[in-house]
Amino acid sequence: MQLKSLEDLFVHSMRDVYYAEKQILKTLPKMARKTDSDALRAAFEEHIQETEGHIERLEKVFELCELTARGVTCPGINGIIEEGKEIMDDTVDPDTMDAGLIASAQAVEHYEICRYGTMVAWAKELGMPEAARLLQQNLDEEYGADRKLSALAEGRLNREAAA
C-alpha cells in the first residue's frame, strides 16, 4: 500500500498496531507462566483482558473507517517480542527472570504508547473524534500497565534480582 496521505498513514498504523496487539495477546500467557512473582503474574493476566479490549476497540475504529479489521506484519513488535523470548529462554534465576520479563513487557508498552499517541493525534486531525476517543482509551490503559510494571520493578522485583 502506497502511503499518500495522513489517512493512509492512519490506516497503516491501525493495521500495524492491530497485528501487534494480536501478537502480544499470544505472548502474554507465556510470560505469565514464566514469572515467579504472583503480583507480576496477576499484572500480566490483567493485561491479557485489557489487550482483548484493545483489539475490540481497534475493530470498532476499523468499522468507523468502513474497513475490514486486519493487520500488517510489524517488524518492530516482532523484534521486541523476540527479545522477550530470548530472555524467557536464556534466564535461569527466577528473580532475574522477573526483572527481565518486566523490561520486555515495558518495551512492548512503550511501543504501543508511541503508536496509540500518534494515532490519537491523527484521528483528531482527520476529524474522527470517536476513533480518537477509542484509541485514547487504549493509550490510557497502556500508560496504566507501564506504571504498574514500574511499580512492581522498583518496589521489589529489581531489588530481588540484584540480591
C-alpha atoms as a PDB file:
ATOM      1  CA  MET A   1       0.000   0.000   0.000  1.00  0.00           C
ATOM      2  CA  GLN A   2       1.417   3.355  -1.011  1.00  0.00           C
ATOM      3  CA  LEU A   3       1.057   5.948   1.706  1.00  0.00           C
ATOM      4  CA  LYS A   4      -0.032   9.180   0.044  1.00  0.00           C
ATOM      5  CA  SER A   5      -1.931  10.923   2.823  1.00  0.00           C
ATOM      6  CA  LEU A   6      -2.332  11.221   6.565  1.00  0.00           C
ATOM      7  CA  GLU A   7      -5.371   8.965   6.245  1.00  0.00           C
ATOM      8  CA  ASP A   8      -3.202   6.301   4.581  1.00  0.00           C
ATOM      9  CA  LEU A   9      -0.686   6.583   7.427  1.00  0.00           C
ATOM     10  CA  PHE A  10      -3.506   6.308   9.951  1.00  0.00           C
ATOM     11  CA  VAL A  11      -4.892   3.139   8.340  1.00  0.00           C
ATOM     12  CA  HIS A  12      -1.413   1.628   8.057  1.00  0.00           C
ATOM     13  CA  SER A  13      -0.749   2.386  11.726  1.00  0.00           C
ATOM     14  CA  MET A  14      -4.062   0.818  12.725  1.00  0.00           C
ATOM     15  CA  ARG A  15      -3.151  -2.346  10.849  1.00  0.00           C
ATOM     16  CA  ASP A  16       0.311  -2.290  12.388  1.00  0.00           C
ATOM     17  CA  VAL A  17      -0.954  -1.950  15.954  1.00  0.00           C
ATOM     18  CA  TYR A  18      -3.762  -4.462  15.329  1.00  0.00           C
ATOM     19  CA  TYR A  19      -1.142  -7.019  14.325  1.00  0.00           C
ATOM     20  CA  ALA A  20       0.950  -6.010  17.342  1.00  0.00           C
ATOM     21  CA  GLU A  21      -1.951  -6.450  19.771  1.00  0.00           C
ATOM     22  CA  LYS A  22      -2.689  -9.910  18.350  1.00  0.00           C
ATOM     23  CA  GLN A  23       0.957 -10.949  18.784  1.00  0.00           C
ATOM     24  CA  ILE A  24       1.025  -9.549  22.303  1.00  0.00           C
ATOM     25  CA  LEU A  25      -2.126 -11.487  23.157  1.00  0.00           C
ATOM     26  CA  LYS A  26      -0.304 -14.691  22.146  1.00  0.00           C
ATOM     27  CA  THR A  27       2.786 -13.823  24.185  1.00  0.00           C
ATOM     28  CA  LEU A  28       1.327 -12.579  27.479  1.00  0.00           C
ATOM     29  CA  PRO A  29       0.166 -16.028  28.706  1.00  0.00           C
ATOM     30  CA  LYS A  30       3.689 -17.386  28.158  1.00  0.00           C
ATOM     31  CA  MET A  31       5.113 -14.515  30.182  1.00  0.00           C
ATOM     32  CA  ALA A  32       2.576 -15.112  32.956  1.00  0.00           C
ATOM     33  CA  ARG A  33       3.632 -18.767  33.157  1.00  0.00           C
ATOM     34  CA  LYS A  34       7.333 -17.874  33.327  1.00  0.00           C
ATOM     35  CA  THR A  35       7.149 -15.405  36.205  1.00  0.00           C
ATOM     36  CA  ASP A  36       7.904 -16.367  39.784  1.00  0.00           C
ATOM     37  CA  SER A  37       6.027 -13.361  41.178  1.00  0.00           C
ATOM     38  CA  ASP A  38       2.326 -13.663  41.924  1.00  0.00           C
ATOM     39  CA  ALA A  39       1.924  -9.887  41.578  1.00  0.00           C
ATOM     40  CA  LEU A  40       3.609  -9.861  38.167  1.00  0.00           C
ATOM     41  CA  ARG A  41       1.565 -12.863  37.040  1.00  0.00           C
ATOM     42  CA  ALA A  42      -1.613 -11.019  38.066  1.00  0.00           C
ATOM     43  CA  ALA A  43      -0.466  -7.924  36.157  1.00  0.00           C
ATOM     44  CA  PHE A  44       0.138  -9.992  33.011  1.00  0.00           C
ATOM     45  CA  GLU A  45      -3.223 -11.735  33.369  1.00  0.00           C
ATOM     46  CA  GLU A  46      -4.985  -8.405  33.815  1.00  0.00           C
ATOM     47  CA  HIS A  47      -3.242  -7.055  30.747  1.00  0.00           C
ATOM     48  CA  ILE A  48      -4.450 -10.047  28.730  1.00  0.00           C
ATOM     49  CA  GLN A  49      -8.001  -8.840  29.373  1.00  0.00           C
ATOM     50  CA  GLU A  50      -7.044  -5.253  28.566  1.00  0.00           C
ATOM     51  CA  THR A  51      -5.390  -6.387  25.328  1.00  0.00           C
ATOM     52  CA  GLU A  52      -8.585  -8.172  24.312  1.00  0.00           C
ATOM     53  CA  GLY A  53     -10.362  -4.857  24.875  1.00  0.00           C
ATOM     54  CA  HIS A  54      -7.737  -3.020  22.804  1.00  0.00           C
ATOM     55  CA  ILE A  55      -8.391  -5.384  19.915  1.00  0.00           C
ATOM     56  CA  GLU A  56     -12.158  -4.859  20.219  1.00  0.00           C
ATOM     57  CA  ARG A  57     -11.731  -1.070  20.213  1.00  0.00           C
ATOM     58  CA  LEU A  58      -9.441  -1.246  17.196  1.00  0.00           C
ATOM     59  CA  GLU A  59     -12.063  -3.323  15.407  1.00  0.00           C
ATOM     60  CA  LYS A  60     -14.607  -0.559  16.162  1.00  0.00           C
ATOM     61  CA  VAL A  61     -12.235   2.009  14.682  1.00  0.00           C
ATOM     62  CA  PHE A  62     -11.886  -0.135  11.561  1.00  0.00           C
ATOM     63  CA  GLU A  63     -15.696  -0.213  11.354  1.00  0.00           C
ATOM     64  CA  LEU A  64     -15.843   3.583  11.721  1.00  0.00           C
ATOM     65  CA  CYS A  65     -13.441   3.798   8.771  1.00  0.00           C
ATOM     66  CA  GLU A  66     -15.539   1.246   6.850  1.00  0.00           C
ATOM     67  CA  LEU A  67     -12.570  -1.113   6.658  1.00  0.00           C
ATOM     68  CA  THR A  68     -12.089  -4.779   7.385  1.00  0.00           C
ATOM     69  CA  ALA A  69     -10.042  -5.300  10.520  1.00  0.00           C
ATOM     70  CA  ARG A  70      -6.749  -6.841   9.508  1.00  0.00           C
ATOM     71  CA  GLY A  71      -3.155  -6.478  10.500  1.00  0.00           C
ATOM     72  CA  VAL A  72       0.057  -5.972   8.611  1.00  0.00           C
ATOM     73  CA  THR A  73       3.277  -7.565   9.766  1.00  0.00           C
ATOM     74  CA  CYS A  74       5.022  -5.278  12.195  1.00  0.00           C
ATOM     75  CA  PRO A  75       8.784  -5.878  12.286  1.00  0.00           C
ATOM     76  CA  GLY A  76       9.104  -3.590  15.316  1.00  0.00           C
ATOM     77  CA  ILE A  77       6.843  -5.605  17.599  1.00  0.00           C
ATOM     78  CA  ASN A  78       8.225  -8.863  16.212  1.00  0.00           C
ATOM     79  CA  GLY A  79      11.717  -7.769  17.270  1.00  0.00           C
ATOM     80  CA  ILE A  80      10.585  -6.678  20.725  1.00  0.00           C
ATOM     81  CA  ILE A  81       8.740  -9.967  21.276  1.00  0.00           C
ATOM     82  CA  GLU A  82      11.746 -11.949  20.017  1.00  0.00           C
ATOM     83  CA  GLU A  83      13.959 -10.195  22.569  1.00  0.00           C
ATOM     84  CA  GLY A  84      11.457 -11.156  25.269  1.00  0.00           C
ATOM     85  CA  LYS A  85      11.524 -14.776  24.129  1.00  0.00           C
ATOM     86  CA  GLU A  86      15.319 -14.778  24.403  1.00  0.00           C
ATOM     87  CA  ILE A  87      15.047 -13.598  27.998  1.00  0.00           C
ATOM     88  CA  MET A  88      12.492 -16.330  28.744  1.00  0.00           C
ATOM     89  CA  ASP A  89      14.692 -18.966  27.097  1.00  0.00           C
ATOM     90  CA  ASP A  90      18.060 -17.879  28.486  1.00  0.00           C
ATOM     91  CA  THR A  91      17.330 -16.769  32.054  1.00  0.00           C
ATOM     92  CA  VAL A  92      17.611 -19.389  34.780  1.00  0.00           C
ATOM     93  CA  ASP A  93      17.320 -17.376  38.017  1.00  0.00           C
ATOM     94  CA  PRO A  94      13.625 -16.713  38.883  1.00  0.00           C
ATOM     95  CA  ASP A  95      14.253 -13.212  40.261  1.00  0.00           C
ATOM     96  CA  THR A  96      16.316 -12.270  37.227  1.00  0.00           C
ATOM     97  CA  MET A  97      13.575 -13.700  35.033  1.00  0.00           C
ATOM     98  CA  ASP A  98      11.004 -11.418  36.677  1.00  0.00           C
ATOM     99  CA  ALA A  99      13.177  -8.332  36.149  1.00  0.00           C
ATOM    100  CA  GLY A 100      13.745  -9.347  32.527  1.00  0.00           C
ATOM    101  CA  LEU A 101      10.059 -10.001  31.923  1.00  0.00           C
ATOM    102  CA  ILE A 102       9.188  -6.556  33.242  1.00  0.00           C
ATOM    103  CA  ALA A 103      11.790  -4.951  30.971  1.00  0.00           C
ATOM    104  CA  SER A 104      10.420  -6.893  27.994  1.00  0.00           C
ATOM    105  CA  ALA A 105       6.828  -6.005  28.808  1.00  0.00           C
ATOM    106  CA  GLN A 106       7.730  -2.337  29.202  1.00  0.00           C
ATOM    107  CA  ALA A 107       9.408  -2.332  25.787  1.00  0.00           C
ATOM    108  CA  VAL A 108       6.090  -3.523  24.370  1.00  0.00           C
ATOM    109  CA  GLU A 109       4.141  -0.917  26.347  1.00  0.00           C
ATOM    110  CA  HIS A 110       6.410   1.894  25.164  1.00  0.00           C
ATOM    111  CA  TYR A 111       5.969   0.789  21.553  1.00  0.00           C
ATOM    112  CA  GLU A 112       2.200   0.778  21.982  1.00  0.00           C
ATOM    113  CA  ILE A 113       2.189   4.135  23.778  1.00  0.00           C
ATOM    114  CA  CYS A 114       4.078   5.622  20.835  1.00  0.00           C
ATOM    115  CA  ARG A 115       1.680   4.136  18.280  1.00  0.00           C
ATOM    116  CA  TYR A 116      -1.524   4.987  20.112  1.00  0.00           C
ATOM    117  CA  GLY A 117      -0.368   8.515  20.908  1.00  0.00           C
ATOM    118  CA  THR A 118       0.325   9.176  17.248  1.00  0.00           C
ATOM    119  CA  MET A 119      -2.947   7.600  16.148  1.00  0.00           C
ATOM    120  CA  VAL A 120      -4.978   9.683  18.614  1.00  0.00           C
ATOM    121  CA  ALA A 121      -3.403  12.859  17.234  1.00  0.00           C
ATOM    122  CA  TRP A 122      -4.001  11.768  13.648  1.00  0.00           C
ATOM    123  CA  ALA A 123      -7.617  10.770  14.324  1.00  0.00           C
ATOM    124  CA  LYS A 124      -8.257  14.238  15.773  1.00  0.00           C
ATOM    125  CA  GLU A 125      -6.586  15.900  12.798  1.00  0.00           C
ATOM    126  CA  LEU A 126      -8.666  13.784  10.412  1.00  0.00           C
ATOM    127  CA  GLY A 127     -11.916  14.817  12.139  1.00  0.00           C
ATOM    128  CA  MET A 128     -12.563  11.400  13.679  1.00  0.00           C
ATOM    129  CA  PRO A 129     -13.495  12.169  17.300  1.00  0.00           C
ATOM    130  CA  GLU A 130     -14.999   8.739  18.038  1.00  0.00           C
ATOM    131  CA  ALA A 131     -11.896   6.977  16.731  1.00  0.00           C
ATOM    132  CA  ALA A 132      -9.732   9.332  18.794  1.00  0.00           C
ATOM    133  CA  ARG A 133     -11.793   8.547  21.907  1.00  0.00           C
ATOM    134  CA  LEU A 134     -11.478   4.779  21.423  1.00  0.00           C
ATOM    135  CA  LEU A 135      -7.756   4.972  20.739  1.00  0.00           C
ATOM    136  CA  GLN A 136      -7.278   7.255  23.751  1.00  0.00           C
ATOM    137  CA  GLN A 137      -8.850   4.558  25.948  1.00  0.00           C
ATOM    138  CA  ASN A 138      -6.243   2.092  24.679  1.00  0.00           C
ATOM    139  CA  LEU A 139      -3.495   4.657  25.230  1.00  0.00           C
ATOM    140  CA  ASP A 140      -4.637   5.318  28.788  1.00  0.00           C
ATOM    141  CA  GLU A 141      -4.610   1.590  29.585  1.00  0.00           C
ATOM    142  CA  GLU A 142      -1.114   1.197  28.093  1.00  0.00           C
ATOM    143  CA  TYR A 143       0.132   4.020  30.307  1.00  0.00           C
ATOM    144  CA  GLY A 144      -1.513   2.308  33.285  1.00  0.00           C
ATOM    145  CA  ALA A 145       0.139  -1.013  32.501  1.00  0.00           C
ATOM    146  CA  ASP A 146       3.524   0.695  32.188  1.00  0.00           C
ATOM    147  CA  ARG A 147       3.089   2.431  35.555  1.00  0.00           C
ATOM    148  CA  LYS A 148       2.078  -0.859  37.187  1.00  0.00           C
ATOM    149  CA  LEU A 149       5.146  -2.624  35.789  1.00  0.00           C
ATOM    150  CA  SER A 150       7.400   0.180  37.008  1.00  0.00           C
ATOM    151  CA  ALA A 151       5.884  -0.027  40.481  1.00  0.00           C
ATOM    152  CA  LEU A 152       6.474  -3.791  40.614  1.00  0.00           C
ATOM    153  CA  ALA A 153      10.054  -3.453  39.406  1.00  0.00           C
ATOM    154  CA  GLU A 154      11.006  -0.533  41.612  1.00  0.00           C
ATOM    155  CA  GLY A 155       9.033  -1.723  44.606  1.00  0.00           C
ATOM    156  CA  ARG A 156      10.627  -5.113  44.998  1.00  0.00           C
ATOM    157  CA  LEU A 157      11.399  -7.218  41.946  1.00  0.00           C
ATOM    158  CA  ASN A 158      14.537  -5.404  40.746  1.00  0.00           C
ATOM    159  CA  ARG A 159      15.936  -5.469  44.280  1.00  0.00           C
ATOM    160  CA  GLU A 160      15.339  -9.223  44.495  1.00  0.00           C
ATOM    161  CA  ALA A 161      17.099  -9.745  41.164  1.00  0.00           C
ATOM    162  CA  ALA A 162      20.068  -7.673  42.357  1.00  0.00           C
ATOM    163  CA  ALA A 163      20.474  -9.668  45.600  1.00  0.00           C
END
